[in-house]
Amino acid sequence: MKRIIFIGLLLWAGLAKAADVYTLDPMHTYVEWHISHFGFSEPTGKWMVKSGTVTLDKTKPQNSKVEATIQMDTLNTGLAELDKHLKSPLFFDVVKYPTATFVSNKVTVTGKNTAKVQGILTLHGVSKPVVLNVKLNKAGVNPVSDKNTAGFDATTSLKRSDFGMKAYLPGLGDDVKIDISAEANRAA
C-alpha cells in the first residue's frame, strides 16, 4: 500500500512539473505598435514590458497562460516631443492610466509551435478581449545568461477607438497593428 501511494505521489509530482512558470525578461520583451498617420506614413512606437509570467504546460499546451503588465510611461517613438504628446490626456493619459495589462483566458494550439492566445487587454481604463497569434521561437538554455529561456513572437490588431482613444479620427488611423517579442526565464 505504501509503495502504491509513493508511486502515486511520484506520478503526481511529475505531472505537476509538466507546467513551468517563466518570468518575462524586461530587457528582451516589448510591445511595438504601428498606425497610419493620415495615410502619409506609418509611425511606430514601443513599450518595454516590465513584468509578467508565462506558464508553459508541455503536456497540455492549451492549459498554458500569460499575464503581462506594461508601464505606459515607457512609451518610446524615438521622438521626445511625440512621446510627450502621446503620453498626454489626448491619447494614453499615462498619469491617469499608468499601466496596461493582458491576462490570457484561453489557448488554442494551431500548429507545432503556434497558438491563438485569447485574453483580456485592459488599456486606457477599458477592458476588451484580444486574440494574440503566438509563435514559440525557441525554448532552451540561453548561452548568455545560462537560464532556461523561452522566446515568443506574437501579433494582433485592435481599434484604438474601442479603448476610448478617438483623437484625430479618421485621419489618424483607428486600426493599430501590434507586434510583440518576448523572452522569459524559467523561475528557479
N, C-alpha and C. Protein backbone atom coordinates (compact mmCIF):
# COMPACT_ATOMS: atom_id res chain seq x y z
N MET A 1 0.83 -1.20 0.00
CA MET A 1 0.00 0.00 0.00
C MET A 1 0.87 1.25 0.00
N LYS A 2 1.91 1.28 0.86
CA LYS A 2 2.80 2.44 0.91
C LYS A 2 3.49 2.65 -0.44
N ARG A 3 3.84 1.52 -1.08
CA ARG A 3 4.50 1.61 -2.38
C ARG A 3 3.56 2.24 -3.41
N ILE A 4 2.31 1.88 -3.41
CA ILE A 4 1.33 2.45 -4.35
C ILE A 4 1.17 3.94 -4.09
N ILE A 5 1.09 4.34 -2.84
CA ILE A 5 0.97 5.77 -2.51
C ILE A 5 2.21 6.52 -2.98
N PHE A 6 3.41 5.92 -2.73
CA PHE A 6 4.66 6.56 -3.14
C PHE A 6 4.71 6.73 -4.65
N ILE A 7 4.35 5.70 -5.41
CA ILE A 7 4.34 5.77 -6.87
C ILE A 7 3.32 6.82 -7.33
N GLY A 8 2.17 6.85 -6.67
CA GLY A 8 1.16 7.87 -7.00
C GLY A 8 1.68 9.28 -6.77
N LEU A 9 2.42 9.49 -5.67
CA LEU A 9 3.00 10.80 -5.38
C LEU A 9 4.05 11.18 -6.43
N LEU A 10 4.86 10.21 -6.85
CA LEU A 10 5.86 10.48 -7.88
C LEU A 10 5.19 10.87 -9.20
N LEU A 11 4.15 10.15 -9.57
CA LEU A 11 3.42 10.48 -10.80
C LEU A 11 2.79 11.86 -10.70
N TRP A 12 2.19 12.16 -9.57
CA TRP A 12 1.58 13.48 -9.38
C TRP A 12 2.63 14.57 -9.46
N ALA A 13 3.78 14.36 -8.85
CA ALA A 13 4.86 15.35 -8.88
C ALA A 13 5.34 15.54 -10.32
N GLY A 14 5.43 14.47 -11.08
CA GLY A 14 5.83 14.57 -12.48
C GLY A 14 4.83 15.34 -13.30
N LEU A 15 3.55 15.10 -13.06
CA LEU A 15 2.50 15.84 -13.79
C LEU A 15 2.50 17.30 -13.39
N ALA A 16 2.69 17.56 -12.11
CA ALA A 16 2.69 18.95 -11.64
C ALA A 16 3.85 19.71 -12.27
N LYS A 17 4.95 19.03 -12.55
CA LYS A 17 6.13 19.67 -13.13
C LYS A 17 5.97 19.89 -14.63
N ALA A 18 4.92 19.32 -15.24
CA ALA A 18 4.71 19.46 -16.67
C ALA A 18 4.51 20.93 -17.04
N ALA A 19 4.02 21.75 -16.12
CA ALA A 19 3.84 23.17 -16.37
C ALA A 19 4.96 23.94 -15.67
N ASP A 20 5.69 24.72 -16.45
CA ASP A 20 6.77 25.53 -15.91
C ASP A 20 6.37 26.99 -15.96
N VAL A 21 6.75 27.73 -14.92
CA VAL A 21 6.47 29.17 -14.87
C VAL A 21 7.72 29.93 -15.28
N TYR A 22 7.56 30.82 -16.22
CA TYR A 22 8.64 31.67 -16.72
C TYR A 22 8.31 33.11 -16.38
N THR A 23 9.33 33.89 -16.08
CA THR A 23 9.17 35.31 -15.80
C THR A 23 9.66 36.10 -17.01
N LEU A 24 8.83 37.03 -17.49
CA LEU A 24 9.22 37.83 -18.64
C LEU A 24 10.49 38.62 -18.33
N ASP A 25 11.40 38.63 -19.29
CA ASP A 25 12.66 39.35 -19.16
C ASP A 25 12.45 40.78 -19.68
N PRO A 26 12.48 41.79 -18.80
CA PRO A 26 12.19 43.16 -19.22
C PRO A 26 13.23 43.74 -20.20
N MET A 27 14.39 43.11 -20.31
CA MET A 27 15.40 43.58 -21.26
C MET A 27 15.14 43.07 -22.68
N HIS A 28 14.28 42.05 -22.80
CA HIS A 28 14.05 41.43 -24.10
C HIS A 28 12.57 41.23 -24.41
N THR A 29 11.71 42.03 -23.80
CA THR A 29 10.27 41.89 -24.03
C THR A 29 9.68 43.25 -24.30
N TYR A 30 9.02 43.38 -25.46
CA TYR A 30 8.42 44.66 -25.80
C TYR A 30 7.16 44.48 -26.64
N VAL A 31 6.36 45.54 -26.63
CA VAL A 31 5.17 45.63 -27.47
C VAL A 31 5.39 46.81 -28.41
N GLU A 32 5.31 46.53 -29.71
CA GLU A 32 5.52 47.56 -30.72
C GLU A 32 4.21 47.79 -31.48
N TRP A 33 3.88 49.05 -31.75
CA TRP A 33 2.65 49.36 -32.47
C TRP A 33 2.95 50.13 -33.74
N HIS A 34 2.02 50.03 -34.69
CA HIS A 34 2.12 50.70 -35.98
C HIS A 34 0.74 51.28 -36.29
N ILE A 35 0.70 52.54 -36.74
CA ILE A 35 -0.58 53.19 -37.02
C ILE A 35 -0.42 54.12 -38.22
N SER A 36 -1.47 54.27 -39.00
CA SER A 36 -1.44 55.18 -40.14
C SER A 36 -1.50 56.63 -39.66
N HIS A 37 -0.60 57.44 -40.17
CA HIS A 37 -0.57 58.87 -39.86
C HIS A 37 -1.12 59.63 -41.06
N PHE A 38 -2.46 59.71 -41.10
CA PHE A 38 -3.18 60.41 -42.15
C PHE A 38 -2.84 59.87 -43.54
N GLY A 39 -2.42 58.59 -43.60
CA GLY A 39 -2.11 57.97 -44.87
C GLY A 39 -0.72 58.30 -45.41
N PHE A 40 -0.01 59.23 -44.76
CA PHE A 40 1.31 59.64 -45.24
C PHE A 40 2.41 58.68 -44.82
N SER A 41 2.31 58.15 -43.64
CA SER A 41 3.36 57.27 -43.10
C SER A 41 2.73 56.34 -42.07
N GLU A 42 3.54 55.44 -41.57
CA GLU A 42 3.08 54.50 -40.55
C GLU A 42 4.06 54.54 -39.38
N PRO A 43 3.89 55.52 -38.48
CA PRO A 43 4.79 55.63 -37.33
C PRO A 43 4.71 54.39 -36.44
N THR A 44 5.79 54.20 -35.71
CA THR A 44 5.93 53.06 -34.82
C THR A 44 6.39 53.55 -33.45
N GLY A 45 5.95 52.87 -32.43
CA GLY A 45 6.42 53.13 -31.08
C GLY A 45 6.45 51.82 -30.33
N LYS A 46 7.05 51.86 -29.15
CA LYS A 46 7.09 50.62 -28.37
C LYS A 46 7.09 50.91 -26.88
N TRP A 47 6.66 49.90 -26.17
CA TRP A 47 6.76 49.86 -24.71
C TRP A 47 7.60 48.65 -24.36
N MET A 48 8.42 48.78 -23.35
CA MET A 48 9.12 47.63 -22.80
C MET A 48 8.20 47.04 -21.73
N VAL A 49 8.01 45.74 -21.76
CA VAL A 49 7.15 45.07 -20.78
C VAL A 49 7.98 44.87 -19.51
N LYS A 50 7.51 45.44 -18.41
CA LYS A 50 8.28 45.43 -17.17
C LYS A 50 8.06 44.19 -16.31
N SER A 51 6.89 43.57 -16.41
CA SER A 51 6.66 42.39 -15.58
C SER A 51 5.61 41.49 -16.21
N GLY A 52 5.69 40.23 -15.83
CA GLY A 52 4.72 39.27 -16.32
C GLY A 52 5.23 37.85 -16.19
N THR A 53 4.32 36.92 -16.38
CA THR A 53 4.67 35.50 -16.31
C THR A 53 4.03 34.75 -17.47
N VAL A 54 4.70 33.68 -17.84
CA VAL A 54 4.19 32.75 -18.84
C VAL A 54 4.24 31.38 -18.19
N THR A 55 3.13 30.68 -18.17
CA THR A 55 3.09 29.31 -17.68
C THR A 55 2.97 28.41 -18.90
N LEU A 56 3.99 27.60 -19.13
CA LEU A 56 4.00 26.68 -20.27
C LEU A 56 3.73 25.28 -19.77
N ASP A 57 2.65 24.70 -20.27
CA ASP A 57 2.30 23.33 -19.94
C ASP A 57 2.68 22.48 -21.15
N LYS A 58 3.76 21.72 -21.02
CA LYS A 58 4.28 20.95 -22.15
C LYS A 58 3.36 19.79 -22.54
N THR A 59 2.68 19.20 -21.58
CA THR A 59 1.83 18.06 -21.89
C THR A 59 0.45 18.49 -22.37
N LYS A 60 -0.01 19.65 -21.92
CA LYS A 60 -1.31 20.18 -22.35
C LYS A 60 -1.14 21.66 -22.65
N PRO A 61 -0.59 21.99 -23.82
CA PRO A 61 -0.30 23.39 -24.13
C PRO A 61 -1.53 24.30 -24.04
N GLN A 62 -2.70 23.74 -24.22
CA GLN A 62 -3.93 24.54 -24.12
C GLN A 62 -4.16 25.06 -22.71
N ASN A 63 -3.44 24.51 -21.72
CA ASN A 63 -3.56 24.99 -20.34
C ASN A 63 -2.51 26.06 -20.01
N SER A 64 -1.70 26.44 -20.98
CA SER A 64 -0.69 27.47 -20.76
C SER A 64 -1.37 28.81 -20.52
N LYS A 65 -0.63 29.75 -19.91
CA LYS A 65 -1.20 31.05 -19.55
C LYS A 65 -0.15 32.13 -19.70
N VAL A 66 -0.63 33.36 -19.83
CA VAL A 66 0.26 34.51 -19.85
C VAL A 66 -0.40 35.69 -19.15
N GLU A 67 0.39 36.42 -18.39
CA GLU A 67 -0.04 37.67 -17.76
C GLU A 67 1.09 38.66 -17.94
N ALA A 68 0.77 39.89 -18.37
CA ALA A 68 1.81 40.89 -18.57
C ALA A 68 1.29 42.27 -18.17
N THR A 69 2.21 43.09 -17.66
CA THR A 69 1.89 44.47 -17.30
C THR A 69 2.87 45.40 -18.01
N ILE A 70 2.33 46.43 -18.63
CA ILE A 70 3.13 47.43 -19.33
C ILE A 70 3.03 48.73 -18.56
N GLN A 71 4.18 49.34 -18.26
CA GLN A 71 4.22 50.68 -17.69
C GLN A 71 4.08 51.64 -18.86
N MET A 72 2.95 52.34 -18.94
CA MET A 72 2.64 53.14 -20.12
C MET A 72 3.61 54.31 -20.32
N ASP A 73 4.24 54.78 -19.26
CA ASP A 73 5.16 55.91 -19.42
C ASP A 73 6.49 55.50 -20.05
N THR A 74 6.68 54.20 -20.34
CA THR A 74 7.89 53.76 -21.04
C THR A 74 7.74 53.91 -22.56
N LEU A 75 6.63 54.46 -23.01
CA LEU A 75 6.40 54.67 -24.45
C LEU A 75 7.59 55.37 -25.08
N ASN A 76 8.05 54.81 -26.21
CA ASN A 76 9.20 55.39 -26.89
C ASN A 76 9.00 55.30 -28.39
N THR A 77 8.97 56.47 -29.05
CA THR A 77 8.90 56.52 -30.50
C THR A 77 10.24 56.93 -31.10
N GLY A 78 11.17 57.35 -30.25
CA GLY A 78 12.43 57.89 -30.72
C GLY A 78 12.37 59.40 -30.90
N LEU A 79 11.19 59.99 -30.68
CA LEU A 79 10.98 61.43 -30.81
C LEU A 79 10.39 61.95 -29.51
N ALA A 80 11.18 62.69 -28.74
CA ALA A 80 10.77 63.13 -27.40
C ALA A 80 9.46 63.92 -27.41
N GLU A 81 9.28 64.82 -28.36
CA GLU A 81 8.05 65.61 -28.40
C GLU A 81 6.83 64.74 -28.71
N LEU A 82 6.99 63.79 -29.61
CA LEU A 82 5.88 62.88 -29.93
C LEU A 82 5.56 62.00 -28.72
N ASP A 83 6.59 61.52 -28.03
CA ASP A 83 6.36 60.72 -26.82
C ASP A 83 5.53 61.51 -25.81
N LYS A 84 5.90 62.77 -25.59
CA LYS A 84 5.18 63.63 -24.65
C LYS A 84 3.72 63.81 -25.09
N HIS A 85 3.52 64.02 -26.39
CA HIS A 85 2.17 64.19 -26.95
C HIS A 85 1.32 62.93 -26.74
N LEU A 86 1.91 61.76 -27.01
CA LEU A 86 1.17 60.50 -26.89
C LEU A 86 0.89 60.11 -25.44
N LYS A 87 1.73 60.57 -24.52
CA LYS A 87 1.52 60.28 -23.09
C LYS A 87 0.47 61.20 -22.47
N SER A 88 0.06 62.24 -23.18
CA SER A 88 -0.88 63.24 -22.67
C SER A 88 -2.31 62.70 -22.60
N PRO A 89 -3.21 63.45 -21.95
CA PRO A 89 -4.62 63.04 -21.88
C PRO A 89 -5.29 62.87 -23.24
N LEU A 90 -4.75 63.48 -24.29
CA LEU A 90 -5.32 63.35 -25.63
C LEU A 90 -5.25 61.91 -26.14
N PHE A 91 -4.22 61.19 -25.69
CA PHE A 91 -4.03 59.81 -26.15
C PHE A 91 -4.00 58.84 -24.97
N PHE A 92 -2.83 58.43 -24.51
CA PHE A 92 -2.74 57.37 -23.50
C PHE A 92 -2.97 57.84 -22.07
N ASP A 93 -2.85 59.11 -21.80
CA ASP A 93 -3.10 59.67 -20.46
C ASP A 93 -2.40 58.82 -19.38
N VAL A 94 -1.07 58.76 -19.47
CA VAL A 94 -0.30 57.86 -18.62
C VAL A 94 -0.35 58.21 -17.14
N VAL A 95 -0.71 59.44 -16.81
CA VAL A 95 -0.85 59.79 -15.39
C VAL A 95 -2.10 59.12 -14.82
N LYS A 96 -3.20 59.18 -15.57
CA LYS A 96 -4.46 58.58 -15.11
C LYS A 96 -4.47 57.06 -15.28
N TYR A 97 -3.82 56.57 -16.36
CA TYR A 97 -3.79 55.14 -16.66
C TYR A 97 -2.33 54.68 -16.79
N PRO A 98 -1.64 54.49 -15.67
CA PRO A 98 -0.20 54.22 -15.72
C PRO A 98 0.19 52.84 -16.24
N THR A 99 -0.75 51.89 -16.25
CA THR A 99 -0.42 50.54 -16.72
C THR A 99 -1.47 50.04 -17.69
N ALA A 100 -1.04 49.09 -18.50
CA ALA A 100 -1.95 48.29 -19.32
C ALA A 100 -1.64 46.84 -18.95
N THR A 101 -2.65 45.98 -18.99
CA THR A 101 -2.43 44.57 -18.64
C THR A 101 -3.06 43.66 -19.67
N PHE A 102 -2.47 42.49 -19.81
CA PHE A 102 -3.06 41.42 -20.62
C PHE A 102 -3.06 40.17 -19.76
N VAL A 103 -4.22 39.52 -19.68
CA VAL A 103 -4.37 38.27 -18.94
C VAL A 103 -5.07 37.28 -19.86
N SER A 104 -4.39 36.18 -20.16
CA SER A 104 -4.99 35.19 -21.06
C SER A 104 -6.07 34.39 -20.35
N ASN A 105 -7.03 33.90 -21.16
CA ASN A 105 -8.08 33.05 -20.60
C ASN A 105 -8.33 31.80 -21.45
N LYS A 106 -7.63 31.70 -22.61
CA LYS A 106 -7.79 30.51 -23.44
C LYS A 106 -6.62 30.43 -24.42
N VAL A 107 -6.11 29.21 -24.59
CA VAL A 107 -5.05 28.96 -25.56
C VAL A 107 -5.55 27.87 -26.50
N THR A 108 -5.51 28.17 -27.80
CA THR A 108 -5.88 27.19 -28.81
C THR A 108 -4.65 26.89 -29.66
N VAL A 109 -4.17 25.67 -29.59
CA VAL A 109 -2.99 25.27 -30.35
C VAL A 109 -3.37 25.21 -31.83
N THR A 110 -2.56 25.86 -32.67
CA THR A 110 -2.84 25.90 -34.11
C THR A 110 -1.78 25.20 -34.95
N GLY A 111 -0.67 24.82 -34.34
CA GLY A 111 0.41 24.15 -35.05
C GLY A 111 1.45 23.67 -34.06
N LYS A 112 2.57 23.15 -34.59
CA LYS A 112 3.62 22.59 -33.72
C LYS A 112 4.13 23.63 -32.72
N ASN A 113 4.34 24.86 -33.17
CA ASN A 113 4.87 25.91 -32.30
C ASN A 113 4.02 27.17 -32.33
N THR A 114 2.75 27.04 -32.68
CA THR A 114 1.88 28.21 -32.79
C THR A 114 0.58 28.01 -32.02
N ALA A 115 0.00 29.14 -31.62
CA ALA A 115 -1.26 29.10 -30.89
C ALA A 115 -1.97 30.45 -31.00
N LYS A 116 -3.26 30.42 -30.79
CA LYS A 116 -4.04 31.63 -30.61
C LYS A 116 -4.27 31.76 -29.10
N VAL A 117 -3.83 32.88 -28.56
CA VAL A 117 -3.96 33.11 -27.13
C VAL A 117 -4.98 34.22 -26.93
N GLN A 118 -6.13 33.84 -26.39
CA GLN A 118 -7.20 34.80 -26.11
C GLN A 118 -7.03 35.33 -24.70
N GLY A 119 -7.41 36.59 -24.51
CA GLY A 119 -7.34 37.16 -23.19
C GLY A 119 -7.98 38.52 -23.14
N ILE A 120 -7.85 39.16 -22.00
CA ILE A 120 -8.43 40.48 -21.78
C ILE A 120 -7.30 41.50 -21.70
N LEU A 121 -7.38 42.49 -22.58
CA LEU A 121 -6.45 43.61 -22.55
C LEU A 121 -7.16 44.76 -21.86
N THR A 122 -6.53 45.30 -20.83
CA THR A 122 -7.04 46.49 -20.16
C THR A 122 -6.09 47.63 -20.50
N LEU A 123 -6.62 48.62 -21.22
CA LEU A 123 -5.83 49.73 -21.72
C LEU A 123 -6.68 50.99 -21.63
N HIS A 124 -6.12 52.05 -21.09
CA HIS A 124 -6.82 53.33 -21.02
C HIS A 124 -8.13 53.20 -20.24
N GLY A 125 -8.13 52.30 -19.24
CA GLY A 125 -9.29 52.10 -18.39
C GLY A 125 -10.40 51.26 -18.98
N VAL A 126 -10.15 50.65 -20.15
CA VAL A 126 -11.15 49.83 -20.83
C VAL A 126 -10.62 48.42 -20.98
N SER A 127 -11.46 47.43 -20.69
CA SER A 127 -11.08 46.02 -20.83
C SER A 127 -11.83 45.41 -21.99
N LYS A 128 -11.09 44.80 -22.92
CA LYS A 128 -11.67 44.19 -24.12
C LYS A 128 -10.95 42.88 -24.42
N PRO A 129 -11.66 41.93 -25.06
CA PRO A 129 -11.00 40.70 -25.48
C PRO A 129 -10.07 40.96 -26.67
N VAL A 130 -8.94 40.27 -26.65
CA VAL A 130 -7.94 40.37 -27.71
C VAL A 130 -7.43 38.96 -27.98
N VAL A 131 -7.10 38.67 -29.24
CA VAL A 131 -6.51 37.39 -29.60
C VAL A 131 -5.10 37.64 -30.14
N LEU A 132 -4.13 36.98 -29.52
CA LEU A 132 -2.74 37.06 -29.97
C LEU A 132 -2.42 35.83 -30.81
N ASN A 133 -1.79 36.03 -31.95
CA ASN A 133 -1.28 34.94 -32.77
C ASN A 133 0.17 34.74 -32.34
N VAL A 134 0.43 33.65 -31.64
CA VAL A 134 1.71 33.46 -30.96
C VAL A 134 2.51 32.34 -31.62
N LYS A 135 3.82 32.59 -31.72
CA LYS A 135 4.76 31.57 -32.19
C LYS A 135 5.83 31.38 -31.12
N LEU A 136 6.02 30.14 -30.69
CA LEU A 136 7.13 29.80 -29.80
C LEU A 136 8.35 29.68 -30.68
N ASN A 137 9.32 30.59 -30.50
CA ASN A 137 10.53 30.57 -31.33
C ASN A 137 11.50 29.50 -30.89
N LYS A 138 11.74 29.44 -29.58
CA LYS A 138 12.72 28.50 -29.06
C LYS A 138 12.59 28.41 -27.56
N ALA A 139 12.86 27.23 -27.03
CA ALA A 139 12.94 27.03 -25.58
C ALA A 139 14.21 26.23 -25.32
N GLY A 140 15.00 26.71 -24.36
CA GLY A 140 16.23 26.02 -24.05
C GLY A 140 17.11 26.88 -23.17
N VAL A 141 18.34 26.47 -22.98
CA VAL A 141 19.27 27.21 -22.14
C VAL A 141 19.86 28.36 -22.95
N ASN A 142 19.72 29.56 -22.42
CA ASN A 142 20.26 30.76 -23.05
C ASN A 142 21.78 30.75 -22.86
N PRO A 143 22.57 30.83 -23.94
CA PRO A 143 24.02 30.75 -23.80
C PRO A 143 24.65 31.95 -23.10
N VAL A 144 23.94 33.07 -23.01
CA VAL A 144 24.48 34.25 -22.35
C VAL A 144 24.18 34.23 -20.85
N SER A 145 22.91 33.96 -20.51
CA SER A 145 22.51 34.00 -19.09
C SER A 145 22.60 32.65 -18.39
N ASP A 146 22.71 31.58 -19.16
CA ASP A 146 22.72 30.22 -18.64
C ASP A 146 21.41 29.87 -17.94
N LYS A 147 20.32 30.56 -18.32
CA LYS A 147 18.99 30.30 -17.75
C LYS A 147 18.14 29.57 -18.78
N ASN A 148 17.21 28.74 -18.29
CA ASN A 148 16.22 28.14 -19.18
C ASN A 148 15.31 29.26 -19.66
N THR A 149 15.25 29.45 -20.97
CA THR A 149 14.57 30.59 -21.56
C THR A 149 13.62 30.11 -22.64
N ALA A 150 12.51 30.81 -22.77
CA ALA A 150 11.57 30.58 -23.86
C ALA A 150 11.38 31.91 -24.58
N GLY A 151 11.39 31.87 -25.92
CA GLY A 151 11.21 33.08 -26.70
C GLY A 151 9.99 32.98 -27.59
N PHE A 152 9.25 34.08 -27.69
CA PHE A 152 8.00 34.11 -28.42
C PHE A 152 7.91 35.36 -29.29
N ASP A 153 7.15 35.27 -30.36
CA ASP A 153 6.69 36.43 -31.11
C ASP A 153 5.19 36.32 -31.20
N ALA A 154 4.51 37.46 -31.23
CA ALA A 154 3.05 37.48 -31.32
C ALA A 154 2.61 38.69 -32.11
N THR A 155 1.46 38.57 -32.74
CA THR A 155 0.86 39.69 -33.47
C THR A 155 -0.62 39.77 -33.14
N THR A 156 -1.17 40.96 -33.27
CA THR A 156 -2.60 41.17 -33.17
C THR A 156 -2.90 42.53 -33.78
N SER A 157 -4.15 42.88 -33.82
CA SER A 157 -4.54 44.23 -34.21
C SER A 157 -5.75 44.61 -33.36
N LEU A 158 -5.91 45.91 -33.20
CA LEU A 158 -7.05 46.41 -32.42
C LEU A 158 -7.44 47.78 -32.93
N LYS A 159 -8.59 48.22 -32.49
CA LYS A 159 -9.06 49.56 -32.82
C LYS A 159 -8.86 50.43 -31.58
N ARG A 160 -8.14 51.53 -31.76
CA ARG A 160 -7.87 52.40 -30.60
C ARG A 160 -9.15 53.03 -30.08
N SER A 161 -10.14 53.24 -30.96
CA SER A 161 -11.41 53.82 -30.52
C SER A 161 -12.13 52.89 -29.53
N ASP A 162 -11.90 51.57 -29.64
CA ASP A 162 -12.50 50.62 -28.70
C ASP A 162 -12.01 50.87 -27.27
N PHE A 163 -10.84 51.53 -27.17
CA PHE A 163 -10.25 51.81 -25.86
C PHE A 163 -10.36 53.29 -25.50
N GLY A 164 -11.30 53.98 -26.15
CA GLY A 164 -11.60 55.37 -25.80
C GLY A 164 -10.62 56.39 -26.34
N MET A 165 -9.76 56.01 -27.28
CA MET A 165 -8.80 56.96 -27.86
C MET A 165 -9.26 57.32 -29.26
N LYS A 166 -9.91 58.48 -29.37
CA LYS A 166 -10.54 58.86 -30.64
C LYS A 166 -9.96 60.13 -31.26
N ALA A 167 -8.87 60.66 -30.69
CA ALA A 167 -8.28 61.89 -31.20
C ALA A 167 -7.88 61.74 -32.67
N TYR A 168 -8.27 62.70 -33.45
CA TYR A 168 -7.91 62.83 -34.88
C TYR A 168 -8.44 61.72 -35.77
N LEU A 169 -9.47 61.01 -35.32
CA LEU A 169 -10.12 60.04 -36.21
C LEU A 169 -10.90 60.81 -37.27
N PRO A 170 -11.02 60.36 -38.46
CA PRO A 170 -10.48 59.11 -39.00
C PRO A 170 -9.09 59.25 -39.62
N GLY A 171 -8.58 60.50 -39.74
CA GLY A 171 -7.29 60.70 -40.38
C GLY A 171 -6.17 59.91 -39.75
N LEU A 172 -6.01 60.05 -38.44
CA LEU A 172 -5.05 59.23 -37.71
C LEU A 172 -5.72 57.87 -37.52
N GLY A 173 -5.12 56.84 -38.03
CA GLY A 173 -5.75 55.53 -38.12
C GLY A 173 -6.37 55.01 -36.83
N ASP A 174 -7.47 54.30 -37.01
CA ASP A 174 -8.12 53.63 -35.89
C ASP A 174 -7.53 52.24 -35.69
N ASP A 175 -7.11 51.62 -36.80
CA ASP A 175 -6.54 50.27 -36.74
C ASP A 175 -5.08 50.35 -36.32
N VAL A 176 -4.73 49.58 -35.30
CA VAL A 176 -3.38 49.56 -34.77
C VAL A 176 -2.85 48.14 -34.88
N LYS A 177 -1.72 48.00 -35.59
CA LYS A 177 -1.06 46.69 -35.68
C LYS A 177 -0.09 46.57 -34.51
N ILE A 178 -0.10 45.41 -33.88
CA ILE A 178 0.74 45.16 -32.71
C ILE A 178 1.67 43.99 -32.99
N ASP A 179 2.96 44.18 -32.70
CA ASP A 179 3.96 43.12 -32.75
C ASP A 179 4.58 43.01 -31.36
N ILE A 180 4.68 41.79 -30.88
CA ILE A 180 5.24 41.54 -29.56
C ILE A 180 6.41 40.58 -29.70
N SER A 181 7.49 40.90 -29.02
CA SER A 181 8.62 39.98 -28.96
C SER A 181 8.93 39.78 -27.48
N ALA A 182 9.11 38.54 -27.08
CA ALA A 182 9.29 38.27 -25.65
C ALA A 182 10.28 37.14 -25.40
N GLU A 183 11.04 37.32 -24.33
CA GLU A 183 11.84 36.24 -23.77
C GLU A 183 11.45 36.11 -22.31
N ALA A 184 11.38 34.89 -21.84
CA ALA A 184 11.03 34.65 -20.45
C ALA A 184 11.95 33.58 -19.90
N ASN A 185 12.35 33.78 -18.64
CA ASN A 185 13.25 32.84 -17.97
C ASN A 185 12.48 32.01 -16.96
N ARG A 186 12.78 30.70 -16.96
CA ARG A 186 12.08 29.80 -16.05
C ARG A 186 12.43 30.16 -14.62
N ALA A 187 11.39 30.24 -13.81
CA ALA A 187 11.57 30.56 -12.38
C ALA A 187 12.36 29.44 -11.71
N ALA A 188 13.21 29.84 -10.78
CA ALA A 188 14.05 28.84 -10.07
C ALA A 188 13.23 28.02 -9.12
